[in-house]
Amino acid sequence: MAVVVTYARRHGLKSLGVGIGLRRSFYEELPRTGRALDWVEIIPENFLSLGGRSHRALEACRERWPVLPHGVGLDIGGPDALDLDYVTGLAALVKQVDAPFFSDHLCYSRLGGVYLHDLLPLPFSEAVVEHVVPRVREVMARVGRPFLLENPSYYANMPGGTLSEADFLRHVVEEADCGLLLDVNNVYVNARNHGYDARAFVDALPLERVVQIHLAGHTTYPDVIIDTHGDRVCDDVWSLYRYVLERTGPVSTLIEWDQDIPSMAAVLDEADLARQVLREGEGR
């Protein structure tokens, strides 16, 4: 039986179906597609300072579908003060596209004022929870829309951890009163790399706060799996996605493909598969 999605219901949020990312190689083709598509995700950093072709593509998509910003530069867990100029620009973009919610990663990405161009893991500790929670609340207050944090992939445990990963995520989203963007591929990658059970991890999460899901491919090496977003979703991740949906009910789902990007048709084929799984869940 699906859990009651209390965070989504409290904010009037419903499943949007299945979306793909608006990537530069799709700027011309995506707004004109006749293929099934329910919504579009954008990386806000690609639109905060660029106009011209980028904004023409964004406006053309916005006329057809809901648009959800998913950031990489908020640095919600970093030691630097929040970049309020960035937050102000983000708030304007969220308002421009009339996004029902927006999201970023539970990580840090800036140090000493320098953006690191990576999403680095935080120590899973009470002290970090106390640091992150007021920053999340401030961002939500300034943007004025529901906010989701994504569980990141990571390849080493940061020193100073005192909580399990699942407990850390739960403390942050519950104490900040924000939503959870559950990246199912990240769960799978982390579980394989760190030797834990992916389904038990899912069961330990506050699933009533899941508002959006990410699905992606990864690259497998002999001793590690890397979250590359550069391939199709593998069978094990599809299976884990079904397991999640059995517990959450229908959730807005994105197909992420950011490296070795194939034709738009290939990405939409993956979206069709996700839509089929969503419909199977609705029929249970």
C-alpha atoms as a PDB file:
ATOM      1  CA  MET A   1       0.000   0.000   0.000  1.00  0.00           C
ATOM      2  CA  ALA A   2       1.327   3.430  -0.929  1.00  0.00           C
ATOM      3  CA  VAL A   3       2.162   5.862   1.829  1.00  0.00           C
ATOM      4  CA  VAL A   4       0.275   9.129   2.127  1.00  0.00           C
ATOM      5  CA  VAL A   5       2.397  11.718   0.339  1.00  0.00           C
ATOM      6  CA  THR A   6       1.796  14.340   2.984  1.00  0.00           C
ATOM      7  CA  TYR A   7       4.342  16.895   1.799  1.00  0.00           C
ATOM      8  CA  ALA A   8       3.011  16.882  -1.752  1.00  0.00           C
ATOM      9  CA  ARG A   9      -0.613  17.007  -0.669  1.00  0.00           C
ATOM     10  CA  ARG A  10       0.036  19.777   1.802  1.00  0.00           C
ATOM     11  CA  HIS A  11       1.457  21.890  -1.012  1.00  0.00           C
ATOM     12  CA  GLY A  12      -1.100  20.865  -3.636  1.00  0.00           C
ATOM     13  CA  LEU A  13       1.485  18.996  -5.712  1.00  0.00           C
ATOM     14  CA  LYS A  14       0.486  16.127  -7.975  1.00  0.00           C
ATOM     15  CA  SER A  15       2.468  13.722 -10.100  1.00  0.00           C
ATOM     16  CA  LEU A  16       3.324  15.427 -13.394  1.00  0.00           C
ATOM     17  CA  GLY A  17       4.171  12.190 -15.174  1.00  0.00           C
ATOM     18  CA  VAL A  18       7.528  11.760 -16.918  1.00  0.00           C
ATOM     19  CA  GLY A  19       9.923  14.444 -18.120  1.00  0.00           C
ATOM     20  CA  ILE A  20      13.334  14.871 -19.695  1.00  0.00           C
ATOM     21  CA  GLY A  21      15.968  17.572 -19.371  1.00  0.00           C
ATOM     22  CA  LEU A  22      16.150  20.547 -21.726  1.00  0.00           C
ATOM     23  CA  ARG A  23      19.731  20.146 -22.948  1.00  0.00           C
ATOM     24  CA  ARG A  24      21.451  22.383 -25.496  1.00  0.00           C
ATOM     25  CA  SER A  25      21.445  19.690 -28.173  1.00  0.00           C
ATOM     26  CA  PHE A  26      17.631  19.582 -27.891  1.00  0.00           C
ATOM     27  CA  TYR A  27      16.950  23.336 -28.039  1.00  0.00           C
ATOM     28  CA  GLU A  28      15.583  23.293 -31.577  1.00  0.00           C
ATOM     29  CA  GLU A  29      13.944  19.876 -31.681  1.00  0.00           C
ATOM     30  CA  LEU A  30      12.317  19.479 -28.270  1.00  0.00           C
ATOM     31  CA  PRO A  31       9.782  22.352 -28.443  1.00  0.00           C
ATOM     32  CA  ARG A  32       8.430  20.912 -31.699  1.00  0.00           C
ATOM     33  CA  THR A  33       8.300  17.234 -30.787  1.00  0.00           C
ATOM     34  CA  GLY A  34       5.115  15.277 -31.298  1.00  0.00           C
ATOM     35  CA  ARG A  35       6.263  12.541 -28.897  1.00  0.00           C
ATOM     36  CA  ALA A  36       4.616  12.054 -25.520  1.00  0.00           C
ATOM     37  CA  LEU A  37       6.185  14.261 -22.859  1.00  0.00           C
ATOM     38  CA  ASP A  38       4.688  15.503 -19.601  1.00  0.00           C
ATOM     39  CA  TRP A  39       7.167  18.103 -18.294  1.00  0.00           C
ATOM     40  CA  VAL A  40      10.678  19.474 -18.747  1.00  0.00           C
ATOM     41  CA  GLU A  41      13.511  19.972 -16.270  1.00  0.00           C
ATOM     42  CA  ILE A  42      16.102  22.726 -16.608  1.00  0.00           C
ATOM     43  CA  ILE A  43      19.440  23.385 -14.944  1.00  0.00           C
ATOM     44  CA  PRO A  44      18.853  26.996 -13.808  1.00  0.00           C
ATOM     45  CA  GLU A  45      22.547  27.892 -14.059  1.00  0.00           C
ATOM     46  CA  ASN A  46      22.167  27.528 -17.849  1.00  0.00           C
ATOM     47  CA  PHE A  47      19.474  30.228 -17.929  1.00  0.00           C
ATOM     48  CA  LEU A  48      20.320  32.718 -15.172  1.00  0.00           C
ATOM     49  CA  SER A  49      22.814  34.684 -17.255  1.00  0.00           C
ATOM     50  CA  LEU A  50      22.149  33.549 -20.805  1.00  0.00           C
ATOM     51  CA  GLY A  51      19.550  34.896 -23.221  1.00  0.00           C
ATOM     52  CA  GLY A  52      19.028  34.429 -26.906  1.00  0.00           C
ATOM     53  CA  ARG A  53      18.755  30.832 -28.061  1.00  0.00           C
ATOM     54  CA  SER A  54      18.591  29.408 -24.526  1.00  0.00           C
ATOM     55  CA  HIS A  55      15.647  31.542 -23.478  1.00  0.00           C
ATOM     56  CA  ARG A  56      13.830  31.074 -26.768  1.00  0.00           C
ATOM     57  CA  ALA A  57      13.988  27.318 -26.223  1.00  0.00           C
ATOM     58  CA  LEU A  58      12.896  27.716 -22.593  1.00  0.00           C
ATOM     59  CA  GLU A  59       9.916  29.902 -23.497  1.00  0.00           C
ATOM     60  CA  ALA A  60       8.862  27.530 -26.272  1.00  0.00           C
ATOM     61  CA  CYS A  61       8.924  24.606 -23.844  1.00  0.00           C
ATOM     62  CA  ARG A  62       7.134  26.564 -21.132  1.00  0.00           C
ATOM     63  CA  GLU A  63       4.252  27.175 -23.520  1.00  0.00           C
ATOM     64  CA  ARG A  64       3.725  23.412 -23.808  1.00  0.00           C
ATOM     65  CA  TRP A  65       4.767  21.825 -20.526  1.00  0.00           C
ATOM     66  CA  PRO A  66       5.457  22.499 -16.841  1.00  0.00           C
ATOM     67  CA  VAL A  67       9.100  23.443 -16.264  1.00  0.00           C
ATOM     68  CA  LEU A  68      10.996  22.447 -13.116  1.00  0.00           C
ATOM     69  CA  PRO A  69      14.373  24.015 -12.194  1.00  0.00           C
ATOM     70  CA  HIS A  70      16.927  21.586 -10.755  1.00  0.00           C
ATOM     71  CA  GLY A  71      20.056  23.405  -9.624  1.00  0.00           C
ATOM     72  CA  VAL A  72      23.674  22.431  -9.148  1.00  0.00           C
ATOM     73  CA  GLY A  73      25.042  25.653  -7.650  1.00  0.00           C
ATOM     74  CA  LEU A  74      23.072  26.388  -4.497  1.00  0.00           C
ATOM     75  CA  ASP A  75      25.766  24.918  -2.229  1.00  0.00           C
ATOM     76  CA  ILE A  76      23.206  24.247   0.468  1.00  0.00           C
ATOM     77  CA  GLY A  77      25.684  22.398   2.704  1.00  0.00           C
ATOM     78  CA  GLY A  78      28.852  24.387   2.126  1.00  0.00           C
ATOM     79  CA  PRO A  79      30.746  26.444   4.721  1.00  0.00           C
ATOM     80  CA  ASP A  80      30.430  29.683   2.720  1.00  0.00           C
ATOM     81  CA  ALA A  81      27.468  31.979   3.283  1.00  0.00           C
ATOM     82  CA  LEU A  82      24.581  31.477   0.902  1.00  0.00           C
ATOM     83  CA  ASP A  83      25.087  33.288  -2.388  1.00  0.00           C
ATOM     84  CA  LEU A  84      22.060  35.566  -2.118  1.00  0.00           C
ATOM     85  CA  ASP A  85      22.570  36.998  -5.606  1.00  0.00           C
ATOM     86  CA  TYR A  86      22.245  33.464  -6.917  1.00  0.00           C
ATOM     87  CA  VAL A  87      19.156  32.829  -4.790  1.00  0.00           C
ATOM     88  CA  THR A  88      17.568  36.083  -6.028  1.00  0.00           C
ATOM     89  CA  GLY A  89      18.171  35.082  -9.636  1.00  0.00           C
ATOM     90  CA  LEU A  90      16.857  31.602  -8.956  1.00  0.00           C
ATOM     91  CA  ALA A  91      13.692  33.024  -7.392  1.00  0.00           C
ATOM     92  CA  ALA A  92      13.111  35.189 -10.481  1.00  0.00           C
ATOM     93  CA  LEU A  93      13.577  32.188 -12.790  1.00  0.00           C
ATOM     94  CA  VAL A  94      11.241  29.991 -10.723  1.00  0.00           C
ATOM     95  CA  LYS A  95       8.627  32.750 -10.936  1.00  0.00           C
ATOM     96  CA  GLN A  96       9.230  33.266 -14.674  1.00  0.00           C
ATOM     97  CA  VAL A  97       8.523  29.623 -15.519  1.00  0.00           C
ATOM     98  CA  ASP A  98       5.841  29.355 -12.791  1.00  0.00           C
ATOM     99  CA  ALA A  99       7.461  26.186 -11.449  1.00  0.00           C
ATOM    100  CA  PRO A 100       5.328  24.323  -8.896  1.00  0.00           C
ATOM    101  CA  PHE A 101       8.557  23.458  -7.039  1.00  0.00           C
ATOM    102  CA  PHE A 102      12.320  23.546  -7.483  1.00  0.00           C
ATOM    103  CA  SER A 103      15.240  21.424  -6.314  1.00  0.00           C
ATOM    104  CA  ASP A 104      18.964  21.113  -5.718  1.00  0.00           C
ATOM    105  CA  HIS A 105      21.392  18.637  -4.147  1.00  0.00           C
ATOM    106  CA  LEU A 106      22.163  17.942  -0.489  1.00  0.00           C
ATOM    107  CA  CYS A 107      25.893  18.559  -0.871  1.00  0.00           C
ATOM    108  CA  TYR A 108      28.459  21.324  -1.082  1.00  0.00           C
ATOM    109  CA  SER A 109      29.800  22.815  -4.301  1.00  0.00           C
ATOM    110  CA  ARG A 110      31.665  25.994  -3.289  1.00  0.00           C
ATOM    111  CA  LEU A 111      34.635  26.686  -1.034  1.00  0.00           C
ATOM    112  CA  GLY A 112      36.230  30.043  -0.308  1.00  0.00           C
ATOM    113  CA  GLY A 113      33.975  31.652  -2.896  1.00  0.00           C
ATOM    114  CA  VAL A 114      35.184  29.307  -5.631  1.00  0.00           C
ATOM    115  CA  TYR A 115      32.702  26.994  -7.351  1.00  0.00           C
ATOM    116  CA  LEU A 116      34.156  23.498  -7.468  1.00  0.00           C
ATOM    117  CA  HIS A 117      32.134  22.261 -10.463  1.00  0.00           C
ATOM    118  CA  ASP A 118      31.290  19.125  -8.543  1.00  0.00           C
ATOM    119  CA  LEU A 119      28.696  17.960  -6.032  1.00  0.00           C
ATOM    120  CA  LEU A 120      30.666  16.860  -2.986  1.00  0.00           C
ATOM    121  CA  PRO A 121      29.258  14.834  -0.078  1.00  0.00           C
ATOM    122  CA  LEU A 122      28.674  16.146   3.412  1.00  0.00           C
ATOM    123  CA  PRO A 123      29.485  14.380   6.690  1.00  0.00           C
ATOM    124  CA  PHE A 124      26.383  12.588   7.921  1.00  0.00           C
ATOM    125  CA  SER A 125      26.233  14.299  11.319  1.00  0.00           C
ATOM    126  CA  GLU A 126      23.953  16.242  13.634  1.00  0.00           C
ATOM    127  CA  ALA A 127      26.206  19.278  13.293  1.00  0.00           C
ATOM    128  CA  VAL A 128      25.739  19.336   9.528  1.00  0.00           C
ATOM    129  CA  VAL A 129      21.977  18.961   9.951  1.00  0.00           C
ATOM    130  CA  GLU A 130      22.027  22.025  12.217  1.00  0.00           C
ATOM    131  CA  HIS A 131      24.045  23.909   9.576  1.00  0.00           C
ATOM    132  CA  VAL A 132      21.897  22.931   6.580  1.00  0.00           C
ATOM    133  CA  VAL A 133      18.386  23.286   8.000  1.00  0.00           C
ATOM    134  CA  PRO A 134      18.303  27.091   8.454  1.00  0.00           C
ATOM    135  CA  ARG A 135      19.873  27.535   5.009  1.00  0.00           C
ATOM    136  CA  VAL A 136      17.088  25.455   3.442  1.00  0.00           C
ATOM    137  CA  ARG A 137      14.471  27.468   5.287  1.00  0.00           C
ATOM    138  CA  GLU A 138      16.001  30.727   4.094  1.00  0.00           C
ATOM    139  CA  VAL A 139      16.074  29.573   0.472  1.00  0.00           C
ATOM    140  CA  MET A 140      12.428  28.489   0.645  1.00  0.00           C
ATOM    141  CA  ALA A 141      11.430  31.822   2.186  1.00  0.00           C
ATOM    142  CA  ARG A 142      13.243  33.807  -0.493  1.00  0.00           C
ATOM    143  CA  VAL A 143      12.013  31.734  -3.456  1.00  0.00           C
ATOM    144  CA  GLY A 144       8.501  31.212  -2.152  1.00  0.00           C
ATOM    145  CA  ARG A 145       7.903  27.746  -3.611  1.00  0.00           C
ATOM    146  CA  PRO A 146       8.248  24.205  -2.261  1.00  0.00           C
ATOM    147  CA  PHE A 147      11.842  23.028  -2.333  1.00  0.00           C
ATOM    148  CA  LEU A 148      13.264  19.510  -2.744  1.00  0.00           C
ATOM    149  CA  LEU A 149      16.690  18.176  -1.824  1.00  0.00           C
ATOM    150  CA  GLU A 150      18.230  15.323  -3.789  1.00  0.00           C
ATOM    151  CA  ASN A 151      20.219  12.470  -2.268  1.00  0.00           C
ATOM    152  CA  PRO A 152      23.613  12.679  -4.035  1.00  0.00           C
ATOM    153  CA  SER A 153      25.951   9.930  -5.171  1.00  0.00           C
ATOM    154  CA  TYR A 154      29.248   9.779  -3.280  1.00  0.00           C
ATOM    155  CA  TYR A 155      32.386   7.676  -3.460  1.00  0.00           C
ATOM    156  CA  ALA A 156      33.910   8.181  -0.003  1.00  0.00           C
ATOM    157  CA  ASN A 157      32.403   8.698   3.426  1.00  0.00           C
ATOM    158  CA  MET A 158      33.301  12.148   4.701  1.00  0.00           C
ATOM    159  CA  PRO A 159      34.992  12.148   8.128  1.00  0.00           C
ATOM    160  CA  GLY A 160      32.957  13.212  11.111  1.00  0.00           C
ATOM    161  CA  GLY A 161      29.845  11.213  10.313  1.00  0.00           C
ATOM    162  CA  THR A 162      27.692  10.133  13.253  1.00  0.00           C
ATOM    163  CA  LEU A 163      24.455   9.221  11.437  1.00  0.00           C
ATOM    164  CA  SER A 164      23.515   6.737   8.774  1.00  0.00           C
ATOM    165  CA  GLU A 165      22.920   8.219   5.339  1.00  0.00           C
ATOM    166  CA  ALA A 166      19.175   7.554   5.544  1.00  0.00           C
ATOM    167  CA  ASP A 167      18.897   9.091   9.026  1.00  0.00           C
ATOM    168  CA  PHE A 168      20.862  12.130   7.846  1.00  0.00           C
ATOM    169  CA  LEU A 169      18.475  12.664   4.927  1.00  0.00           C
ATOM    170  CA  ARG A 170      15.471  12.197   7.195  1.00  0.00           C
ATOM    171  CA  HIS A 171      16.688  14.704   9.782  1.00  0.00           C
ATOM    172  CA  VAL A 172      17.413  17.367   7.166  1.00  0.00           C
ATOM    173  CA  VAL A 173      14.147  17.181   5.235  1.00  0.00           C
ATOM    174  CA  GLU A 174      11.958  16.797   8.316  1.00  0.00           C
ATOM    175  CA  GLU A 175      13.585  19.564  10.345  1.00  0.00           C
ATOM    176  CA  ALA A 176      13.746  21.934   7.366  1.00  0.00           C
ATOM    177  CA  ASP A 177      10.227  20.863   6.292  1.00  0.00           C
ATOM    178  CA  CYS A 178      11.199  20.453   2.658  1.00  0.00           C
ATOM    179  CA  GLY A 179      10.577  17.724   0.104  1.00  0.00           C
ATOM    180  CA  LEU A 180      12.807  14.914  -1.123  1.00  0.00           C
ATOM    181  CA  LEU A 181      13.933  14.349  -4.698  1.00  0.00           C
ATOM    182  CA  LEU A 182      14.789  10.665  -4.653  1.00  0.00           C
ATOM    183  CA  ASP A 183      17.445   9.789  -7.206  1.00  0.00           C
ATOM    184  CA  VAL A 184      16.921   6.047  -7.581  1.00  0.00           C
ATOM    185  CA  ASN A 185      20.090   5.576  -9.603  1.00  0.00           C
ATOM    186  CA  ASN A 186      22.087   7.289  -6.840  1.00  0.00           C
ATOM    187  CA  VAL A 187      20.601   4.888  -4.306  1.00  0.00           C
ATOM    188  CA  TYR A 188      21.656   1.950  -6.456  1.00  0.00           C
ATOM    189  CA  VAL A 189      25.152   3.338  -7.121  1.00  0.00           C
ATOM    190  CA  ASN A 190      25.768   4.164  -3.458  1.00  0.00           C
ATOM    191  CA  ALA A 191      24.442   0.800  -2.308  1.00  0.00           C
ATOM    192  CA  ARG A 192      26.758  -1.057  -4.662  1.00  0.00           C
ATOM    193  CA  ASN A 193      29.783   1.087  -3.881  1.00  0.00           C
ATOM    194  CA  HIS A 194      29.319   1.104  -0.101  1.00  0.00           C
ATOM    195  CA  GLY A 195      27.925  -2.376   0.382  1.00  0.00           C
ATOM    196  CA  TYR A 196      24.416  -1.820   1.702  1.00  0.00           C
ATOM    197  CA  ASP A 197      20.978  -3.031   0.672  1.00  0.00           C
ATOM    198  CA  ALA A 198      19.263  -0.532  -1.632  1.00  0.00           C
ATOM    199  CA  ARG A 199      15.741  -1.613  -0.732  1.00  0.00           C
ATOM    200  CA  ALA A 200      16.395  -1.439   2.994  1.00  0.00           C
ATOM    201  CA  PHE A 201      17.790   2.055   2.439  1.00  0.00           C
ATOM    202  CA  VAL A 202      14.606   3.078   0.605  1.00  0.00           C
ATOM    203  CA  ASP A 203      12.491   1.700   3.434  1.00  0.00           C
ATOM    204  CA  ALA A 204      14.427   3.847   5.931  1.00  0.00           C
ATOM    205  CA  LEU A 205      13.698   7.096   4.064  1.00  0.00           C
ATOM    206  CA  PRO A 206      10.843   9.537   4.771  1.00  0.00           C
ATOM    207  CA  LEU A 207       8.988   8.432   1.644  1.00  0.00           C
ATOM    208  CA  GLU A 208       6.029  10.652   2.483  1.00  0.00           C
ATOM    209  CA  ARG A 209       8.260  13.570   1.438  1.00  0.00           C
ATOM    210  CA  VAL A 210       9.206  12.226  -2.006  1.00  0.00           C
ATOM    211  CA  VAL A 211       7.838  14.597  -4.660  1.00  0.00           C
ATOM    212  CA  GLN A 212      10.110  13.774  -7.583  1.00  0.00           C
ATOM    213  CA  ILE A 213      12.279  10.868  -8.783  1.00  0.00           C
ATOM    214  CA  HIS A 214      15.366  10.835 -10.996  1.00  0.00           C
ATOM    215  CA  LEU A 215      16.356   7.865 -13.140  1.00  0.00           C
ATOM    216  CA  ALA A 216      19.659   7.657 -15.003  1.00  0.00           C
ATOM    217  CA  GLY A 217      22.359   5.379 -16.306  1.00  0.00           C
ATOM    218  CA  HIS A 218      25.790   4.828 -14.822  1.00  0.00           C
ATOM    219  CA  THR A 219      29.159   3.373 -15.778  1.00  0.00           C
ATOM    220  CA  THR A 220      30.428   0.193 -14.152  1.00  0.00           C
ATOM    221  CA  TYR A 221      34.143  -0.359 -13.585  1.00  0.00           C
ATOM    222  CA  PRO A 222      35.785  -3.377 -11.913  1.00  0.00           C
ATOM    223  CA  ASP A 223      35.930  -1.738  -8.473  1.00  0.00           C
ATOM    224  CA  VAL A 224      33.403   1.126  -8.577  1.00  0.00           C
ATOM    225  CA  ILE A 225      30.215   2.353 -10.238  1.00  0.00           C
ATOM    226  CA  ILE A 226      30.221   5.974 -11.377  1.00  0.00           C
ATOM    227  CA  ASP A 227      27.029   8.017 -11.647  1.00  0.00           C
ATOM    228  CA  THR A 228      27.729   9.357 -15.139  1.00  0.00           C
ATOM    229  CA  HIS A 229      24.187   9.902 -16.484  1.00  0.00           C
ATOM    230  CA  GLY A 230      25.671   8.581 -19.698  1.00  0.00           C
ATOM    231  CA  ASP A 231      23.657   5.463 -20.534  1.00  0.00           C
ATOM    232  CA  ARG A 232      20.221   3.885 -20.438  1.00  0.00           C
ATOM    233  CA  VAL A 233      18.629   2.976 -17.116  1.00  0.00           C
ATOM    234  CA  CYS A 234      19.721  -0.558 -16.208  1.00  0.00           C
ATOM    235  CA  ASP A 235      17.363  -3.370 -15.267  1.00  0.00           C
ATOM    236  CA  ASP A 236      18.299  -3.274 -11.571  1.00  0.00           C
ATOM    237  CA  VAL A 237      17.463   0.441 -11.350  1.00  0.00           C
ATOM    238  CA  TRP A 238      14.137  -0.131 -13.114  1.00  0.00           C
ATOM    239  CA  SER A 239      13.397  -2.821 -10.521  1.00  0.00           C
ATOM    240  CA  LEU A 240      14.304  -0.463  -7.677  1.00  0.00           C
ATOM    241  CA  TYR A 241      12.108   2.239  -9.249  1.00  0.00           C
ATOM    242  CA  ARG A 242       9.142  -0.158  -9.182  1.00  0.00           C
ATOM    243  CA  TYR A 243       9.921  -0.933  -5.547  1.00  0.00           C
ATOM    244  CA  VAL A 244       9.875   2.776  -4.681  1.00  0.00           C
ATOM    245  CA  LEU A 245       6.598   3.407  -6.504  1.00  0.00           C
ATOM    246  CA  GLU A 246       4.940   0.559  -4.612  1.00  0.00           C
ATOM    247  CA  ARG A 247       5.587   2.634  -1.489  1.00  0.00           C
ATOM    248  CA  THR A 248       5.028   6.176  -2.752  1.00  0.00           C
ATOM    249  CA  GLY A 249       2.403   5.875  -5.443  1.00  0.00           C
ATOM    250  CA  PRO A 250       2.864   7.878  -8.691  1.00  0.00           C
ATOM    251  CA  VAL A 251       5.685  10.444  -8.500  1.00  0.00           C
ATOM    252  CA  SER A 252       6.923  12.929 -11.109  1.00  0.00           C
ATOM    253  CA  THR A 253       9.860  11.160 -12.762  1.00  0.00           C
ATOM    254  CA  LEU A 254      12.769  12.485 -14.803  1.00  0.00           C
ATOM    255  CA  ILE A 255      15.064  10.652 -17.194  1.00  0.00           C
ATOM    256  CA  GLU A 256      18.528  12.189 -16.755  1.00  0.00           C
ATOM    257  CA  TRP A 257      21.029  11.853 -19.606  1.00  0.00           C
ATOM    258  CA  ASP A 258      23.891  14.349 -19.392  1.00  0.00           C
ATOM    259  CA  GLN A 259      26.945  12.648 -20.907  1.00  0.00           C
ATOM    260  CA  ASP A 260      27.276  10.893 -24.258  1.00  0.00           C
ATOM    261  CA  ILE A 261      23.825  12.291 -24.965  1.00  0.00           C
ATOM    262  CA  PRO A 262      22.145  10.282 -27.742  1.00  0.00           C
ATOM    263  CA  SER A 263      19.367  11.400 -30.035  1.00  0.00           C
ATOM    264  CA  MET A 264      16.380  13.022 -28.396  1.00  0.00           C
ATOM    265  CA  ALA A 265      14.308  10.069 -29.617  1.00  0.00           C
ATOM    266  CA  ALA A 266      16.457   7.688 -27.550  1.00  0.00           C
ATOM    267  CA  VAL A 267      15.927   9.776 -24.405  1.00  0.00           C
ATOM    268  CA  LEU A 268      12.188   9.918 -25.069  1.00  0.00           C
ATOM    269  CA  ASP A 269      12.192   6.125 -25.491  1.00  0.00           C
ATOM    270  CA  GLU A 270      13.491   5.883 -21.911  1.00  0.00           C
ATOM    271  CA  ALA A 271      10.780   8.311 -20.817  1.00  0.00           C
ATOM    272  CA  ASP A 272       8.189   6.067 -22.462  1.00  0.00           C
ATOM    273  CA  LEU A 273       9.465   3.130 -20.414  1.00  0.00           C
ATOM    274  CA  ALA A 274       9.195   5.154 -17.201  1.00  0.00           C
ATOM    275  CA  ARG A 275       5.669   6.237 -18.133  1.00  0.00           C
ATOM    276  CA  GLN A 276       4.723   2.598 -18.654  1.00  0.00           C
ATOM    277  CA  VAL A 277       6.026   1.706 -15.190  1.00  0.00           C
ATOM    278  CA  LEU A 278       4.100   4.629 -13.673  1.00  0.00           C
ATOM    279  CA  ARG A 279       0.903   3.457 -15.336  1.00  0.00           C
ATOM    280  CA  GLU A 280       1.469  -0.108 -14.118  1.00  0.00           C
ATOM    281  CA  GLY A 281       1.661   1.288 -10.609  1.00  0.00           C
ATOM    282  CA  GLU A 282      -1.519   3.313 -11.028  1.00  0.00           C
ATOM    283  CA  GLY A 283      -3.305   0.127 -12.110  1.00  0.00           C
ATOM    284  CA  ARG A 284      -2.391  -1.830  -8.974  1.00  0.00           C
END
